[in-house]
């Protein structure tokens, strides 16, 4: 599995799942005009099951991600304007 772009990419958190793992970080690699935080789920074969960018027009950083007991995830981060 390869990920990333020609600008800054930052992986901040990784967690394991029964069927793969999840990650949170940030990228400045062409998704918008500034940093966006990003979350991914990767299956056991190394294939991206899903990837979700989030952010504003400012600099947005994903710092941590945790799986919730009822399903889903919670992501923490920060925005700089």
N, C-alpha and C. Protein backbone atom coordinates (compact mmCIF):
# COMPACT_ATOMS: atom_id res chain seq x y z
N UNK A 1 0.84 -1.17 0.00
CA UNK A 1 0.00 0.00 0.00
C UNK A 1 0.89 1.24 0.00
N UNK A 2 0.60 2.17 -0.85
CA UNK A 2 1.32 3.44 -0.88
C UNK A 2 0.31 4.56 -0.74
N UNK A 3 0.71 5.60 -0.06
CA UNK A 3 -0.16 6.75 0.10
C UNK A 3 0.72 7.97 0.23
N UNK A 4 0.14 9.12 -0.01
CA UNK A 4 0.89 10.35 0.12
C UNK A 4 1.02 11.05 -1.21
N UNK A 5 1.55 12.23 -1.13
CA UNK A 5 1.68 13.03 -2.32
C UNK A 5 3.01 13.76 -2.35
N UNK A 6 3.10 14.77 -3.19
CA UNK A 6 4.38 15.46 -3.36
C UNK A 6 4.62 16.52 -2.30
N UNK A 7 3.62 16.83 -1.47
CA UNK A 7 3.80 17.81 -0.39
C UNK A 7 3.79 17.09 0.95
N UNK A 8 3.56 17.81 2.02
CA UNK A 8 3.65 17.26 3.37
C UNK A 8 2.47 16.35 3.70
N UNK A 9 2.78 15.17 4.25
CA UNK A 9 1.80 14.22 4.76
C UNK A 9 2.26 13.81 6.16
N UNK A 10 1.31 13.68 7.07
CA UNK A 10 1.64 13.46 8.47
C UNK A 10 0.69 12.42 9.06
N UNK A 11 1.20 11.26 9.43
CA UNK A 11 0.40 10.22 10.08
C UNK A 11 0.57 10.37 11.58
N UNK A 12 -0.55 10.49 12.31
CA UNK A 12 -0.50 10.74 13.75
C UNK A 12 -0.99 9.59 14.60
N UNK A 13 -1.89 8.74 14.10
CA UNK A 13 -2.46 7.68 14.94
C UNK A 13 -2.83 6.49 14.09
N UNK A 14 -2.61 5.29 14.65
CA UNK A 14 -2.98 4.03 14.01
C UNK A 14 -3.59 3.13 15.07
N UNK A 15 -4.66 2.45 14.71
CA UNK A 15 -5.29 1.49 15.61
C UNK A 15 -5.65 0.23 14.86
N UNK A 16 -5.72 -0.89 15.58
CA UNK A 16 -6.03 -2.16 14.92
C UNK A 16 -7.50 -2.52 15.07
N UNK A 17 -7.99 -3.21 14.07
CA UNK A 17 -9.35 -3.73 14.02
C UNK A 17 -9.27 -5.22 13.72
N UNK A 18 -10.35 -5.93 13.93
CA UNK A 18 -10.37 -7.35 13.61
C UNK A 18 -10.15 -7.57 12.11
N UNK A 19 -10.66 -6.66 11.30
CA UNK A 19 -10.57 -6.81 9.84
C UNK A 19 -9.59 -5.84 9.19
N UNK A 20 -8.66 -5.28 9.96
CA UNK A 20 -7.68 -4.37 9.38
C UNK A 20 -7.21 -3.35 10.40
N UNK A 21 -7.05 -2.12 9.98
CA UNK A 21 -6.65 -1.06 10.89
C UNK A 21 -7.16 0.28 10.39
N UNK A 22 -7.06 1.31 11.23
CA UNK A 22 -7.49 2.65 10.88
C UNK A 22 -6.36 3.63 11.21
N UNK A 23 -6.37 4.76 10.52
CA UNK A 23 -5.31 5.75 10.68
C UNK A 23 -5.91 7.16 10.63
N UNK A 24 -5.22 8.09 11.28
CA UNK A 24 -5.59 9.50 11.20
C UNK A 24 -4.32 10.32 10.99
N UNK A 25 -4.44 11.37 10.21
CA UNK A 25 -3.30 12.24 9.95
C UNK A 25 -3.74 13.45 9.16
N UNK A 26 -2.78 14.06 8.49
CA UNK A 26 -3.05 15.28 7.73
C UNK A 26 -2.27 15.25 6.43
N UNK A 27 -2.74 16.01 5.46
CA UNK A 27 -2.04 16.09 4.19
C UNK A 27 -2.16 17.50 3.60
N UNK A 28 -1.13 17.88 2.90
CA UNK A 28 -1.12 19.13 2.13
C UNK A 28 -0.81 18.77 0.67
N UNK A 29 -1.26 17.60 0.25
CA UNK A 29 -0.88 17.07 -1.06
C UNK A 29 -1.97 17.22 -2.11
N UNK A 30 -2.49 18.41 -2.23
CA UNK A 30 -3.35 18.70 -3.35
C UNK A 30 -4.83 18.49 -3.17
N UNK A 31 -5.28 18.11 -1.97
CA UNK A 31 -6.72 17.92 -1.76
C UNK A 31 -7.44 19.26 -1.65
N UNK A 32 -6.75 20.25 -1.14
CA UNK A 32 -7.32 21.60 -1.04
C UNK A 32 -6.16 22.58 -1.09
N UNK A 33 -6.39 23.81 -0.71
CA UNK A 33 -5.33 24.82 -0.74
C UNK A 33 -4.54 24.87 0.55
N UNK A 34 -4.88 24.04 1.55
CA UNK A 34 -4.15 24.00 2.81
C UNK A 34 -4.23 22.58 3.37
N UNK A 35 -3.71 22.39 4.57
CA UNK A 35 -3.76 21.08 5.21
C UNK A 35 -5.20 20.66 5.51
N UNK A 36 -5.50 19.39 5.32
CA UNK A 36 -6.77 18.79 5.73
C UNK A 36 -6.46 17.55 6.55
N UNK A 37 -7.30 17.30 7.57
CA UNK A 37 -7.09 16.04 8.28
C UNK A 37 -7.79 14.94 7.51
N UNK A 38 -7.29 13.73 7.66
CA UNK A 38 -7.70 12.60 6.84
C UNK A 38 -7.81 11.38 7.72
N UNK A 39 -8.81 10.54 7.51
CA UNK A 39 -8.92 9.25 8.20
C UNK A 39 -9.08 8.15 7.16
N UNK A 40 -8.47 7.00 7.43
CA UNK A 40 -8.49 5.86 6.52
C UNK A 40 -8.85 4.60 7.29
N UNK A 41 -9.49 3.66 6.60
CA UNK A 41 -9.61 2.29 7.08
C UNK A 41 -8.97 1.40 6.03
N UNK A 42 -8.05 0.55 6.48
CA UNK A 42 -7.31 -0.34 5.60
C UNK A 42 -7.67 -1.77 5.98
N UNK A 43 -7.98 -2.62 5.01
CA UNK A 43 -8.32 -4.01 5.33
C UNK A 43 -7.06 -4.85 5.53
N UNK A 44 -7.25 -6.10 5.91
CA UNK A 44 -6.11 -6.98 6.21
C UNK A 44 -5.23 -7.26 5.00
N UNK A 45 -5.73 -7.02 3.80
CA UNK A 45 -4.92 -7.21 2.59
C UNK A 45 -4.15 -5.95 2.20
N UNK A 46 -4.32 -4.86 2.96
CA UNK A 46 -3.63 -3.61 2.66
C UNK A 46 -4.36 -2.71 1.69
N UNK A 47 -5.63 -3.02 1.42
CA UNK A 47 -6.43 -2.22 0.50
C UNK A 47 -7.21 -1.17 1.28
N UNK A 48 -7.29 0.03 0.75
CA UNK A 48 -8.06 1.08 1.39
C UNK A 48 -9.55 0.75 1.29
N UNK A 49 -10.18 0.51 2.44
CA UNK A 49 -11.62 0.24 2.49
C UNK A 49 -12.39 1.55 2.33
N UNK A 50 -11.91 2.60 2.99
CA UNK A 50 -12.46 3.94 2.81
C UNK A 50 -11.43 4.96 3.29
N UNK A 51 -11.58 6.17 2.78
CA UNK A 51 -10.73 7.29 3.17
C UNK A 51 -11.60 8.53 3.18
N UNK A 52 -11.46 9.34 4.23
CA UNK A 52 -12.32 10.50 4.36
C UNK A 52 -11.51 11.74 4.69
N UNK A 53 -11.44 12.71 3.76
CA UNK A 53 -10.80 13.99 4.09
C UNK A 53 -11.82 14.89 4.79
N UNK A 54 -11.33 15.70 5.69
CA UNK A 54 -12.18 16.66 6.40
C UNK A 54 -11.37 17.92 6.59
N UNK A 55 -12.04 19.04 6.57
CA UNK A 55 -11.31 20.26 6.83
C UNK A 55 -12.04 21.50 6.37
N UNK A 56 -11.40 22.62 6.65
CA UNK A 56 -11.91 23.93 6.28
C UNK A 56 -10.92 24.54 5.28
N UNK A 57 -11.06 25.81 5.02
CA UNK A 57 -10.08 26.48 4.15
C UNK A 57 -8.80 26.81 4.90
N UNK A 58 -8.82 26.58 6.23
CA UNK A 58 -7.64 26.83 7.06
C UNK A 58 -6.81 25.54 7.18
N UNK A 59 -5.79 25.56 8.04
CA UNK A 59 -4.96 24.37 8.27
C UNK A 59 -5.65 23.49 9.29
N UNK A 60 -5.95 22.25 8.92
CA UNK A 60 -6.65 21.30 9.78
C UNK A 60 -5.79 20.06 9.98
N UNK A 61 -5.60 19.65 11.23
CA UNK A 61 -4.74 18.52 11.54
C UNK A 61 -5.51 17.48 12.34
N UNK A 62 -5.44 16.22 11.90
CA UNK A 62 -5.99 15.10 12.66
C UNK A 62 -4.92 14.58 13.59
N UNK A 63 -5.21 14.53 14.89
CA UNK A 63 -4.20 14.14 15.88
C UNK A 63 -4.39 12.74 16.43
N UNK A 64 -5.63 12.27 16.55
CA UNK A 64 -5.86 10.95 17.12
C UNK A 64 -7.19 10.41 16.60
N UNK A 65 -7.36 9.10 16.67
CA UNK A 65 -8.59 8.44 16.26
C UNK A 65 -8.79 7.23 17.16
N UNK A 66 -10.02 7.02 17.60
CA UNK A 66 -10.37 5.87 18.43
C UNK A 66 -11.65 5.25 17.89
N UNK A 67 -11.72 3.93 17.97
CA UNK A 67 -12.94 3.22 17.59
C UNK A 67 -13.94 3.31 18.74
N UNK A 68 -15.21 3.56 18.42
CA UNK A 68 -16.27 3.63 19.41
C UNK A 68 -16.88 2.24 19.62
N UNK A 69 -17.31 1.95 20.83
CA UNK A 69 -17.83 0.62 21.14
C UNK A 69 -19.09 0.29 20.36
N UNK A 70 -19.90 1.28 20.01
CA UNK A 70 -21.13 1.06 19.25
C UNK A 70 -20.93 1.10 17.75
N UNK A 71 -19.69 1.21 17.31
CA UNK A 71 -19.39 1.35 15.88
C UNK A 71 -19.01 2.77 15.56
N UNK A 72 -18.24 2.96 14.55
CA UNK A 72 -17.78 4.28 14.14
C UNK A 72 -16.49 4.67 14.86
N UNK A 73 -16.09 5.91 14.65
CA UNK A 73 -14.82 6.40 15.15
C UNK A 73 -15.00 7.82 15.66
N UNK A 74 -14.11 8.21 16.55
CA UNK A 74 -14.04 9.61 16.98
C UNK A 74 -12.63 10.10 16.66
N UNK A 75 -12.55 11.28 16.08
CA UNK A 75 -11.27 11.85 15.66
C UNK A 75 -11.08 13.17 16.38
N UNK A 76 -9.89 13.39 16.90
CA UNK A 76 -9.55 14.69 17.49
C UNK A 76 -8.52 15.37 16.60
N UNK A 77 -8.51 16.67 16.68
CA UNK A 77 -7.57 17.44 15.87
C UNK A 77 -7.63 18.91 16.22
N UNK A 78 -7.10 19.72 15.34
CA UNK A 78 -7.10 21.16 15.56
C UNK A 78 -7.10 21.89 14.23
N UNK A 79 -7.58 23.12 14.29
CA UNK A 79 -7.62 24.00 13.12
C UNK A 79 -6.88 25.28 13.45
N UNK A 80 -6.02 25.72 12.55
CA UNK A 80 -5.31 26.99 12.70
C UNK A 80 -5.79 27.94 11.60
N UNK A 81 -6.10 29.15 11.97
CA UNK A 81 -6.49 30.14 10.96
C UNK A 81 -5.49 31.25 10.86
